[in-house]
C-alpha atoms as a PDB file:
ATOM      1  CA  MET A   1     -16.834  23.645 -50.868  1.00  0.00           C
ATOM      2  CA  VAL A   2     -14.895  20.425 -50.242  1.00  0.00           C
ATOM      3  CA  LEU A   3     -11.989  22.373 -48.732  1.00  0.00           C
ATOM      4  CA  ASP A   4     -14.362  24.243 -46.413  1.00  0.00           C
ATOM      5  CA  ASN A   5     -15.879  20.915 -45.313  1.00  0.00           C
ATOM      6  CA  ILE A   6     -12.386  19.467 -44.647  1.00  0.00           C
ATOM      7  CA  GLU A   7     -11.442  22.497 -42.536  1.00  0.00           C
ATOM      8  CA  LYS A   8     -14.616  22.100 -40.438  1.00  0.00           C
ATOM      9  CA  LEU A   9     -13.902  18.379 -40.033  1.00  0.00           C
ATOM     10  CA  LEU A  10     -10.316  19.169 -38.955  1.00  0.00           C
ATOM     11  CA  GLU A  11     -11.597  21.593 -36.338  1.00  0.00           C
ATOM     12  CA  LYS A  12     -14.035  18.955 -35.045  1.00  0.00           C
ATOM     13  CA  TYR A  13     -11.217  16.362 -35.144  1.00  0.00           C
ATOM     14  CA  GLU A  14      -8.945  18.544 -33.006  1.00  0.00           C
ATOM     15  CA  ASN A  15     -11.754  18.968 -30.481  1.00  0.00           C
ATOM     16  CA  GLY A  16     -12.426  15.215 -30.449  1.00  0.00           C
ATOM     17  CA  GLU A  17     -15.965  15.551 -31.769  1.00  0.00           C
ATOM     18  CA  THR A  18     -15.779  13.636 -35.062  1.00  0.00           C
ATOM     19  CA  SER A  19     -17.531  10.390 -35.824  1.00  0.00           C
ATOM     20  CA  LEU A  20     -15.792   7.418 -37.396  1.00  0.00           C
ATOM     21  CA  LYS A  21     -17.285   8.250 -40.797  1.00  0.00           C
ATOM     22  CA  GLU A  22     -15.951  11.825 -40.618  1.00  0.00           C
ATOM     23  CA  GLU A  23     -12.516  10.543 -39.641  1.00  0.00           C
ATOM     24  CA  GLN A  24     -12.590   8.224 -42.664  1.00  0.00           C
ATOM     25  CA  GLN A  25     -13.307  11.258 -44.884  1.00  0.00           C
ATOM     26  CA  LEU A  26     -10.308  13.076 -43.374  1.00  0.00           C
ATOM     27  CA  LYS A  27      -8.034  10.058 -43.864  1.00  0.00           C
ATOM     28  CA  HIS A  28      -9.190   9.669 -47.460  1.00  0.00           C
ATOM     29  CA  TYR A  29      -8.596  13.360 -48.218  1.00  0.00           C
ATOM     30  CA  PHE A  30      -5.094  13.433 -46.718  1.00  0.00           C
ATOM     31  CA  THR A  31      -3.915  10.156 -48.266  1.00  0.00           C
ATOM     32  CA  GLN A  32      -4.797  11.202 -51.803  1.00  0.00           C
ATOM     33  CA  GLY A  33      -2.249  13.082 -53.861  1.00  0.00           C
ATOM     34  CA  THR A  34      -3.563  16.655 -53.812  1.00  0.00           C
ATOM     35  CA  VAL A  35      -3.862  18.481 -50.493  1.00  0.00           C
ATOM     36  CA  ALA A  36      -4.345  22.218 -49.999  1.00  0.00           C
ATOM     37  CA  PRO A  37      -1.014  23.963 -49.220  1.00  0.00           C
ATOM     38  CA  HIS A  38      -2.139  25.360 -45.868  1.00  0.00           C
ATOM     39  CA  LEU A  39      -3.197  21.826 -44.755  1.00  0.00           C
ATOM     40  CA  GLU A  40       0.062  20.089 -45.728  1.00  0.00           C
ATOM     41  CA  MET A  41       1.135  19.870 -42.078  1.00  0.00           C
ATOM     42  CA  TYR A  42      -1.683  17.339 -41.377  1.00  0.00           C
ATOM     43  CA  LYS A  43      -0.695  15.012 -44.216  1.00  0.00           C
ATOM     44  CA  PRO A  44       2.178  13.177 -42.394  1.00  0.00           C
ATOM     45  CA  MET A  45      -0.063  12.542 -39.395  1.00  0.00           C
ATOM     46  CA  PHE A  46      -2.796  10.869 -41.425  1.00  0.00           C
ATOM     47  CA  GLU A  47      -0.254   8.950 -43.506  1.00  0.00           C
ATOM     48  CA  TYR A  48       1.227   7.657 -40.267  1.00  0.00           C
ATOM     49  CA  PHE A  49      -2.211   6.500 -39.150  1.00  0.00           C
ATOM     50  CA  LEU A  50      -2.624   4.594 -42.411  1.00  0.00           C
ATOM     51  CA  VAL A  51       0.782   2.899 -42.111  1.00  0.00           C
ATOM     52  CA  ASN A  52       0.279   2.190 -38.420  1.00  0.00           C
ATOM     53  CA  LYS A  53      -3.056   0.529 -39.121  1.00  0.00           C
ATOM     54  CA  GLN A  54      -1.361  -1.972 -41.423  1.00  0.00           C
ATOM     55  CA  GLU A  55       1.333  -2.979 -38.902  1.00  0.00           C
ATOM     56  CA  ARG A  56       0.906  -6.342 -37.235  1.00  0.00           C
ATOM     57  CA  PHE A  57       2.669  -7.856 -34.244  1.00  0.00           C
ATOM     58  CA  THR A  58       3.637 -11.385 -35.141  1.00  0.00           C
ATOM     59  CA  LYS A  59       5.559 -12.577 -32.084  1.00  0.00           C
ATOM     60  CA  ASP A  60       4.001 -14.801 -29.439  1.00  0.00           C
ATOM     61  CA  VAL A  61       3.295 -13.144 -26.116  1.00  0.00           C
ATOM     62  CA  PRO A  62       3.702 -15.542 -23.198  1.00  0.00           C
ATOM     63  CA  LEU A  63       0.809 -15.006 -20.814  1.00  0.00           C
ATOM     64  CA  LYS A  64       2.152 -17.168 -18.043  1.00  0.00           C
ATOM     65  CA  THR A  65       5.738 -17.423 -16.945  1.00  0.00           C
ATOM     66  CA  LYS A  66       6.750 -20.907 -16.100  1.00  0.00           C
ATOM     67  CA  ARG A  67       8.719 -21.172 -12.887  1.00  0.00           C
ATOM     68  CA  ASN A  68      10.154 -24.465 -11.887  1.00  0.00           C
ATOM     69  CA  PHE A  69      10.995 -24.051  -8.245  1.00  0.00           C
ATOM     70  CA  ASN A  70      12.604 -27.009  -6.632  1.00  0.00           C
ATOM     71  CA  TYR A  71      10.779 -27.452  -3.308  1.00  0.00           C
ATOM     72  CA  LYS A  72      12.890 -30.356  -2.128  1.00  0.00           C
ATOM     73  CA  TRP A  73      15.777 -27.988  -1.399  1.00  0.00           C
ATOM     74  CA  ILE A  74      13.536 -26.056   0.981  1.00  0.00           C
ATOM     75  CA  SER A  75      12.794 -29.238   2.900  1.00  0.00           C
ATOM     76  CA  VAL A  76      16.510 -30.109   3.010  1.00  0.00           C
ATOM     77  CA  ALA A  77      17.310 -26.637   4.385  1.00  0.00           C
ATOM     78  CA  ALA A  78      14.511 -26.912   6.965  1.00  0.00           C
ATOM     79  CA  VAL A  79      15.791 -30.267   8.195  1.00  0.00           C
ATOM     80  CA  ALA A  80      19.325 -28.870   8.436  1.00  0.00           C
ATOM     81  CA  VAL A  81      18.151 -25.883  10.483  1.00  0.00           C
ATOM     82  CA  LEU A  82      16.151 -28.112  12.818  1.00  0.00           C
ATOM     83  CA  MET A  83      19.088 -30.467  13.336  1.00  0.00           C
ATOM     84  CA  LEU A  84      21.426 -27.553  14.111  1.00  0.00           C
ATOM     85  CA  GLY A  85      18.836 -26.140  16.508  1.00  0.00           C
ATOM     86  CA  PHE A  86      18.528 -29.429  18.374  1.00  0.00           C
ATOM     87  CA  TYR A  87      22.287 -29.898  18.526  1.00  0.00           C
ATOM     88  CA  PHE A  88      23.144 -26.398  19.740  1.00  0.00           C
ATOM     89  CA  GLY A  89      20.026 -26.149  21.926  1.00  0.00           C
ATOM     90  CA  THR A  90      20.950 -29.159  23.999  1.00  0.00           C
ATOM     91  CA  SER A  91      24.640 -28.267  24.242  1.00  0.00           C
ATOM     92  CA  ILE A  92      24.013 -24.691  25.437  1.00  0.00           C
ATOM     93  CA  TYR A  93      21.382 -25.424  28.068  1.00  0.00           C
ATOM     94  CA  GLY A  94      22.589 -28.834  29.090  1.00  0.00           C
ATOM     95  CA  SER A  95      20.416 -31.077  31.175  1.00  0.00           C
ATOM     96  CA  ASP A  96      19.918 -28.717  34.154  1.00  0.00           C
ATOM     97  CA  LEU A  97      16.280 -27.668  34.129  1.00  0.00           C
ATOM     98  CA  GLY A  98      16.423 -25.536  37.307  1.00  0.00           C
ATOM     99  CA  THR A  99      14.584 -28.011  39.516  1.00  0.00           C
ATOM    100  CA  TYR A 100      15.070 -28.361  43.258  1.00  0.00           C
ATOM    101  CA  GLU A 101      15.260 -31.599  45.190  1.00  0.00           C
ATOM    102  CA  ASP A 102      14.282 -30.018  48.506  1.00  0.00           C
ATOM    103  CA  PRO A 103      10.640 -28.731  48.531  1.00  0.00           C
ATOM    104  CA  GLN A 104      11.384 -26.180  51.274  1.00  0.00           C
ATOM    105  CA  LEU A 105      14.231 -24.668  49.235  1.00  0.00           C
ATOM    106  CA  ALA A 106      11.989 -24.520  46.147  1.00  0.00           C
ATOM    107  CA  PHE A 107       9.263 -22.742  48.174  1.00  0.00           C
ATOM    108  CA  ASN A 108      11.783 -20.224  49.553  1.00  0.00           C
ATOM    109  CA  GLU A 109      13.079 -19.430  46.037  1.00  0.00           C
ATOM    110  CA  PHE A 110       9.516 -19.094  44.763  1.00  0.00           C
ATOM    111  CA  SER A 111       8.648 -16.736  47.632  1.00  0.00           C
ATOM    112  CA  LYS A 112      11.706 -14.589  46.859  1.00  0.00           C
ATOM    113  CA  SER A 113      10.715 -14.395  43.201  1.00  0.00           C
ATOM    114  CA  MET A 114       7.133 -13.420  44.021  1.00  0.00           C
ATOM    115  CA  GLU A 115       8.313 -10.787  46.501  1.00  0.00           C
ATOM    116  CA  MET A 116      10.606  -9.257  43.883  1.00  0.00           C
ATOM    117  CA  ILE A 117       7.788  -9.224  41.277  1.00  0.00           C
ATOM    118  CA  SER A 118       5.411  -7.626  43.790  1.00  0.00           C
ATOM    119  CA  GLU A 119       7.966  -4.956  44.676  1.00  0.00           C
ATOM    120  CA  LYS A 120       8.563  -4.057  41.029  1.00  0.00           C
ATOM    121  CA  PHE A 121       4.832  -4.038  40.313  1.00  0.00           C
ATOM    122  CA  ASN A 122       4.150  -1.677  43.221  1.00  0.00           C
ATOM    123  CA  THR A 123       6.905   0.661  42.011  1.00  0.00           C
ATOM    124  CA  GLY A 124       5.352   0.717  38.566  1.00  0.00           C
ATOM    125  CA  ALA A 125       1.848   1.258  39.934  1.00  0.00           C
ATOM    126  CA  SER A 126       3.012   4.228  42.034  1.00  0.00           C
ATOM    127  CA  THR A 127       4.465   5.939  38.958  1.00  0.00           C
ATOM    128  CA  VAL A 128       1.137   5.628  37.177  1.00  0.00           C
ATOM    129  CA  SER A 129      -0.780   7.345  40.011  1.00  0.00           C
ATOM    130  CA  TYR A 130      -0.448  10.702  38.253  1.00  0.00           C
ATOM    131  CA  LEU A 131      -3.160   9.526  35.852  1.00  0.00           C
ATOM    132  CA  ASN A 132      -5.690  10.236  38.603  1.00  0.00           C
ATOM    133  CA  GLU A 133      -4.666  13.904  38.378  1.00  0.00           C
ATOM    134  CA  VAL A 134      -5.303  13.801  34.640  1.00  0.00           C
ATOM    135  CA  ASN A 135      -8.830  12.564  35.318  1.00  0.00           C
ATOM    136  CA  LYS A 136      -9.419  15.519  37.652  1.00  0.00           C
ATOM    137  CA  GLY A 137      -8.210  17.887  34.934  1.00  0.00           C
ATOM    138  CA  THR A 138     -10.543  16.446  32.333  1.00  0.00           C
ATOM    139  CA  SER A 139     -13.522  16.829  34.667  1.00  0.00           C
ATOM    140  CA  THR A 140     -12.555  20.505  35.085  1.00  0.00           C
ATOM    141  CA  LEU A 141     -12.574  20.857  31.317  1.00  0.00           C
ATOM    142  CA  GLY A 142     -16.105  19.503  31.328  1.00  0.00           C
ATOM    143  CA  TYR A 143     -17.134  22.416  33.568  1.00  0.00           C
ATOM    144  CA  LEU A 144     -15.452  24.831  31.161  1.00  0.00           C
ATOM    145  CA  ASN A 145     -17.501  23.405  28.299  1.00  0.00           C
ATOM    146  CA  GLU A 146     -20.697  23.992  30.265  1.00  0.00           C
ATOM    147  CA  ILE A 147     -19.662  27.617  30.885  1.00  0.00           C
ATOM    148  CA  GLU A 148     -18.879  28.073  27.202  1.00  0.00           C
ATOM    149  CA  ASN A 149     -22.289  26.693  26.202  1.00  0.00           C
ATOM    150  CA  ALA A 150     -24.036  29.052  28.643  1.00  0.00           C
ATOM    151  CA  THR A 151     -22.131  32.094  27.362  1.00  0.00           C
ATOM    152  CA  SER A 152     -22.880  31.172  23.765  1.00  0.00           C
ATOM    153  CA  ILE A 153     -26.600  31.021  24.612  1.00  0.00           C
ATOM    154  CA  ILE A 154     -26.452  34.395  26.398  1.00  0.00           C
ATOM    155  CA  PHE A 155     -24.515  36.221  23.681  1.00  0.00           C
ATOM    156  CA  LYS A 156     -26.313  34.580  20.788  1.00  0.00           C
ATOM    157  CA  ASN A 157     -27.082  37.108  18.009  1.00  0.00           C
END
């Protein structure tokens, strides 16, 4: 009768349906000396569970890693980059800021610049004019949708 009960408990155990009390009965049966020959294959598994339950981890687990980052080196690097930028920035561009002494000459240069910008803008705007044709095509598609709706109403089953 005990062997029949153990076999039923093993079947429930394999299906994951045992309670903690039933698992304790299985562990007790398989850790004792006498086990039925056809159930010998389960004995090492339950012995492992018993040994594994007694194992303890004794080392300390650090929860936070301590990082000492030296922020003063970042500030030193930032100052060095700024100083190099100021040095090379002034030597490349010099002191000429592109200003004109004569107001008439400045106005003429400004007018030339605006004329060039206007010319390029008009060229770009003319290449985008095909979008108007796209709008005409989409309105035609709207008419096709109306026709499709009417035909679906007519041929409705």
